[in-house]
Amino acid sequence: VPVFSAAQLSRAVESRQDKRPQLSDLRESGCLTGDTLIYLPDEGRFAPIESLVGQAGFGVTSLNPDTLKLERAEASAAFCTGVKPVYRLTTRLGRTIRATGNHPFYTFEGWQRLDALAVGQPIAVPLVWQDVPALAIAGMDALDQPDEAETAHWDTVISITPDGEAPVYDLTVPRLHNFVADGIIVHNSIEQDADVVMFLYRDVVYNQATEFPNQADVIVAKHRNGRTDTVSLYFDGSLTKFMDGAVRRVSLTEDR
């Protein structure tokens, strides 16, 4: 069953000379700074997310929302989405992460964007991060059950502050669509869950002197492998209607 979802673009497109939309312009394409640490369970080590760009098929730690258990999942892509403003989120347990304001975090109410979180709000974290149990940091008792380390626990946001601009990155994690980054559970971006992303672009919106005032481009894009292309249509503004474009060629002869 095909499912279509509309998405709003960010204002980043307004600041570029070329106004054609890109995947990184999607309003929900939240991302993390390049120094964000990702745990690779198959290798037993941590790696900055920027070092994973271009790789596929590596294991990460993900939350199963149905069980609140952490399990291994496989990332199918790692990529950079450009330079964006970021915020620094700090938790009561001392964990910090730098992310764009629209990156989702797991809360009691489900997934919420960073810029919608409030100080004092609980967010989901793995109990153990870099071999340090969260309960020990909090001055609480040791683990009662061995499998508690595999269960998500709750930390508390103590601050969210602007932290400049930086190149930002993200992973695609099919099935569970989330992963642990810098000791906090974060979600994929919305466009990563789509098989195909289609943008509409009309040059006359930005350039009234354009040579093609009635042309509308359908830009087909995707994070996954496969063909992408741009299809040009005719746009009738009086009817708000898109139609197949027609190309007319005039042959000039000596008689003319």
Protein backbone atom coordinates (compact mmCIF):
# COMPACT_ATOMS: atom_id res chain seq x y z
CA VAL A 1 0.00 0.00 0.00
CA PRO A 2 1.71 3.24 -1.09
CA VAL A 3 1.75 5.90 1.63
CA PHE A 4 2.30 9.57 0.77
CA SER A 5 3.34 12.19 3.32
CA ALA A 6 3.76 15.93 2.78
CA ALA A 7 6.69 17.71 4.44
CA GLN A 8 7.62 21.34 4.85
CA LEU A 9 11.06 22.62 3.86
CA SER A 10 13.33 24.52 6.21
CA ARG A 11 14.33 28.13 5.55
CA ALA A 12 17.85 27.06 4.52
CA VAL A 13 16.79 27.09 0.87
CA GLU A 14 16.13 30.84 1.06
CA SER A 15 19.78 31.60 1.81
CA ARG A 16 21.15 29.71 -1.21
CA GLN A 17 21.65 31.12 -4.69
CA ASP A 18 20.29 27.89 -6.19
CA LYS A 19 16.81 27.53 -4.72
CA ARG A 20 16.22 23.97 -5.91
CA PRO A 21 15.27 21.89 -2.85
CA GLN A 22 17.57 19.17 -1.48
CA LEU A 23 17.13 16.29 0.96
CA SER A 24 18.85 18.30 3.68
CA ASP A 25 16.15 21.01 3.37
CA LEU A 26 13.42 18.74 4.68
CA ARG A 27 12.11 20.27 7.87
CA GLU A 28 12.34 17.00 9.78
CA SER A 29 15.84 16.07 8.65
CA GLY A 30 17.37 16.33 12.11
CA CYS A 31 21.04 15.48 12.43
CA LEU A 32 24.01 15.15 14.80
CA THR A 33 27.46 16.74 14.81
CA GLY A 34 30.36 14.76 13.42
CA ASP A 35 32.00 14.05 16.80
CA THR A 36 28.89 12.23 18.08
CA LEU A 37 29.96 8.78 19.29
CA ILE A 38 28.17 5.70 17.94
CA TYR A 39 28.73 2.34 19.64
CA LEU A 40 29.51 -0.49 17.21
CA PRO A 41 28.54 -3.70 19.07
CA ASP A 42 30.04 -6.03 16.46
CA GLU A 43 33.46 -4.42 16.96
CA GLY A 44 33.14 -3.47 20.63
CA ARG A 45 34.22 0.12 20.04
CA PHE A 46 32.93 3.68 19.68
CA ALA A 47 33.25 5.65 16.44
CA PRO A 48 32.47 9.28 15.57
CA ILE A 49 29.47 9.37 13.25
CA GLU A 50 31.44 11.33 10.63
CA SER A 51 33.87 8.40 10.29
CA LEU A 52 31.00 6.11 9.25
CA VAL A 53 29.97 8.11 6.18
CA GLY A 54 29.69 5.91 3.12
CA GLN A 55 29.56 2.67 5.10
CA ALA A 56 26.64 0.24 5.24
CA GLY A 57 25.71 -2.98 7.03
CA PHE A 58 27.35 -2.15 10.37
CA GLY A 59 25.67 -2.88 13.70
CA VAL A 60 24.36 -0.24 16.11
CA THR A 61 22.40 -0.33 19.36
CA SER A 62 18.69 0.50 18.98
CA LEU A 63 15.61 0.72 21.17
CA ASN A 64 12.65 -1.59 20.55
CA PRO A 65 9.72 0.69 21.53
CA ASP A 66 7.44 -2.31 22.07
CA THR A 67 9.64 -3.86 24.77
CA LEU A 68 11.82 -0.88 25.81
CA LYS A 69 14.74 -3.26 25.35
CA LEU A 70 17.96 -2.36 23.58
CA GLU A 71 18.94 -4.65 20.72
CA ARG A 72 21.36 -4.82 17.85
CA ALA A 73 20.14 -3.30 14.60
CA GLU A 74 21.87 -2.79 11.29
CA ALA A 75 22.54 0.62 9.78
CA SER A 76 22.13 0.74 6.02
CA ALA A 77 23.69 4.16 5.42
CA ALA A 78 25.63 6.98 7.05
CA PHE A 79 25.72 10.41 5.41
CA CYS A 80 26.31 14.14 5.86
CA THR A 81 23.39 16.55 5.37
CA GLY A 82 25.31 19.83 5.31
CA VAL A 83 26.09 22.58 7.79
CA LYS A 84 23.25 23.56 10.15
CA PRO A 85 22.66 25.39 13.45
CA VAL A 86 22.96 23.00 16.40
CA TYR A 87 22.06 22.90 20.09
CA ARG A 88 23.81 21.29 23.04
CA LEU A 89 21.54 19.10 25.18
CA THR A 90 22.80 18.12 28.65
CA THR A 91 21.19 15.59 30.99
CA ARG A 92 21.24 15.08 34.75
CA LEU A 93 23.60 12.13 34.32
CA GLY A 94 26.09 14.40 32.54
CA ARG A 95 25.48 13.11 29.04
CA THR A 96 25.65 15.69 26.25
CA ILE A 97 24.78 15.63 22.59
CA ARG A 98 24.92 18.29 19.88
CA ALA A 99 22.05 18.07 17.41
CA THR A 100 19.82 20.17 15.19
CA GLY A 101 16.67 21.50 16.81
CA ASN A 102 14.45 19.15 14.83
CA HIS A 103 16.14 15.89 15.77
CA PRO A 104 13.71 13.59 17.67
CA PHE A 105 14.39 12.08 21.11
CA TYR A 106 12.34 9.39 22.88
CA THR A 107 10.16 10.64 25.77
CA PHE A 108 7.20 9.41 27.84
CA GLU A 109 4.97 10.87 25.10
CA GLY A 110 6.92 9.21 22.28
CA TRP A 111 9.31 10.88 19.85
CA GLN A 112 9.74 14.65 20.28
CA ARG A 113 11.99 17.16 18.54
CA LEU A 114 14.86 18.63 20.52
CA ASP A 115 13.41 22.14 20.21
CA ALA A 116 10.14 20.86 21.71
CA LEU A 117 11.80 19.36 24.80
CA ALA A 118 11.64 21.15 28.14
CA VAL A 119 14.10 21.32 31.02
CA GLY A 120 13.17 18.61 33.51
CA GLN A 121 11.64 16.37 30.85
CA PRO A 122 12.67 12.67 30.90
CA ILE A 123 14.29 11.16 27.80
CA ALA A 124 15.32 7.56 27.14
CA VAL A 125 18.95 6.48 27.54
CA PRO A 126 20.83 3.17 27.78
CA LEU A 127 21.65 2.31 31.36
CA VAL A 128 25.32 1.70 30.62
CA TRP A 129 27.34 4.07 28.47
CA GLN A 130 31.11 3.76 27.96
CA ASP A 131 31.11 1.08 30.70
CA VAL A 132 29.70 3.48 33.31
CA PRO A 133 26.28 2.49 34.74
CA ALA A 134 23.84 5.38 34.93
CA LEU A 135 22.71 4.32 38.41
CA ALA A 136 26.26 4.58 39.71
CA ILE A 137 26.59 8.12 38.34
CA ALA A 138 23.30 9.05 39.98
CA GLY A 139 24.47 7.66 43.34
CA MET A 140 21.86 4.91 43.35
CA ASP A 141 22.06 1.22 44.13
CA ALA A 142 23.78 -1.21 41.81
CA LEU A 143 21.86 -3.27 39.26
CA ASP A 144 19.49 -5.83 40.71
CA GLN A 145 19.16 -7.90 37.55
CA PRO A 146 21.81 -8.58 34.89
CA ASP A 147 19.38 -7.80 32.07
CA GLU A 148 18.68 -4.30 33.41
CA ALA A 149 21.66 -3.12 31.38
CA GLU A 150 19.74 -4.10 28.24
CA THR A 151 16.68 -2.02 29.18
CA ALA A 152 16.16 1.67 28.41
CA HIS A 153 16.10 3.95 31.43
CA TRP A 154 15.10 7.58 31.88
CA ASP A 155 17.40 10.56 32.26
CA THR A 156 16.35 14.21 32.69
CA VAL A 157 17.10 17.21 30.50
CA ILE A 158 18.81 19.96 32.50
CA SER A 159 19.73 22.37 29.68
CA ILE A 160 19.36 23.02 25.95
CA THR A 161 21.54 25.84 24.60
CA PRO A 162 22.44 27.12 21.09
CA ASP A 163 25.90 25.91 20.10
CA GLY A 164 26.78 27.50 16.77
CA GLU A 165 26.78 25.81 13.38
CA ALA A 166 28.50 22.57 12.36
CA PRO A 167 28.51 19.87 9.67
CA VAL A 168 25.85 17.35 10.68
CA TYR A 169 25.30 13.65 9.99
CA ASP A 170 22.75 10.89 10.35
CA LEU A 171 22.25 7.14 9.98
CA THR A 172 19.57 5.07 8.32
CA VAL A 173 18.50 2.17 10.56
CA PRO A 174 15.72 0.10 8.96
CA ARG A 175 13.17 -1.73 11.14
CA LEU A 176 13.68 0.11 14.46
CA HIS A 177 14.53 3.53 12.99
CA ASN A 178 16.62 4.72 15.94
CA PHE A 179 20.06 4.32 17.47
CA VAL A 180 22.13 5.23 20.53
CA ALA A 181 24.31 8.32 20.04
CA ASP A 182 26.46 9.86 22.80
CA GLY A 183 24.60 7.76 25.34
CA ILE A 184 21.13 8.99 24.32
CA ILE A 185 18.48 7.30 22.15
CA VAL A 186 17.78 9.31 18.97
CA HIS A 187 15.57 8.73 15.95
CA ASN A 188 16.12 8.64 12.21
CA SER A 189 14.99 11.61 10.17
CA ILE A 190 11.62 11.37 8.47
CA GLU A 191 12.96 11.41 4.92
CA GLN A 192 15.17 8.40 5.68
CA ASP A 193 12.04 6.31 6.18
CA ALA A 194 10.78 7.17 2.69
CA ASP A 195 11.53 5.01 -0.33
CA VAL A 196 11.29 8.05 -2.62
CA VAL A 197 11.26 11.80 -1.93
CA MET A 198 9.75 14.14 -4.53
CA PHE A 199 10.25 17.91 -4.57
CA LEU A 200 8.31 20.46 -6.62
CA TYR A 201 10.29 23.45 -7.93
CA ARG A 202 9.08 26.42 -9.97
CA ASP A 203 11.80 28.88 -10.90
CA VAL A 204 9.33 31.75 -11.41
CA VAL A 205 8.62 31.75 -7.65
CA TYR A 206 12.18 33.02 -7.04
CA ASN A 207 13.02 34.57 -10.42
CA GLN A 208 10.24 36.47 -12.16
CA ALA A 209 12.49 37.09 -15.17
CA THR A 210 12.94 33.33 -15.77
CA GLU A 211 12.87 32.01 -19.34
CA PHE A 212 10.44 29.27 -18.27
CA PRO A 213 7.62 30.91 -16.28
CA ASN A 214 5.26 27.95 -16.75
CA GLN A 215 7.73 25.16 -16.05
CA ALA A 216 7.51 23.05 -12.89
CA ASP A 217 10.22 20.52 -12.08
CA VAL A 218 9.50 17.32 -10.15
CA ILE A 219 12.83 16.41 -8.54
CA VAL A 220 13.00 12.73 -7.59
CA ALA A 221 15.53 12.09 -4.78
CA LYS A 222 16.33 9.34 -2.28
CA HIS A 223 18.89 8.31 0.33
CA ARG A 224 18.77 4.72 -0.89
CA ASN A 225 20.51 3.45 -3.99
CA GLY A 226 18.64 3.73 -7.26
CA ARG A 227 17.89 6.05 -10.11
CA THR A 228 16.98 9.70 -9.50
CA ASP A 229 15.89 12.24 -12.06
CA THR A 230 14.08 15.52 -12.73
CA VAL A 231 10.82 15.57 -14.70
CA SER A 232 9.67 18.89 -16.18
CA LEU A 233 5.93 19.64 -16.34
CA TYR A 234 3.79 22.52 -17.59
CA PHE A 235 2.07 24.47 -14.80
CA ASP A 236 -1.13 26.37 -15.56
CA GLY A 237 -1.37 28.92 -12.76
CA SER A 238 -4.92 29.99 -13.67
CA LEU A 239 -6.16 26.44 -13.00
CA THR A 240 -3.45 25.37 -10.50
CA LYS A 241 -2.91 22.40 -12.78
CA PHE A 242 0.15 20.40 -13.77
CA MET A 243 0.28 18.89 -17.28
CA ASP A 244 2.76 17.07 -19.47
CA GLY A 245 5.18 19.49 -21.02
CA ALA A 246 5.31 19.88 -24.80
CA VAL A 247 8.49 20.76 -26.67
CA ARG A 248 8.08 22.66 -29.92
CA ARG A 249 10.93 22.85 -32.39
CA VAL A 250 10.89 25.39 -35.20
CA SER A 251 12.99 24.68 -38.28
CA LEU A 252 14.25 27.82 -39.98
CA THR A 253 14.77 27.55 -43.75
CA GLU A 254 16.31 29.87 -46.32
CA ASP A 255 12.81 30.72 -47.62
CA ARG A 256 11.96 32.23 -44.26
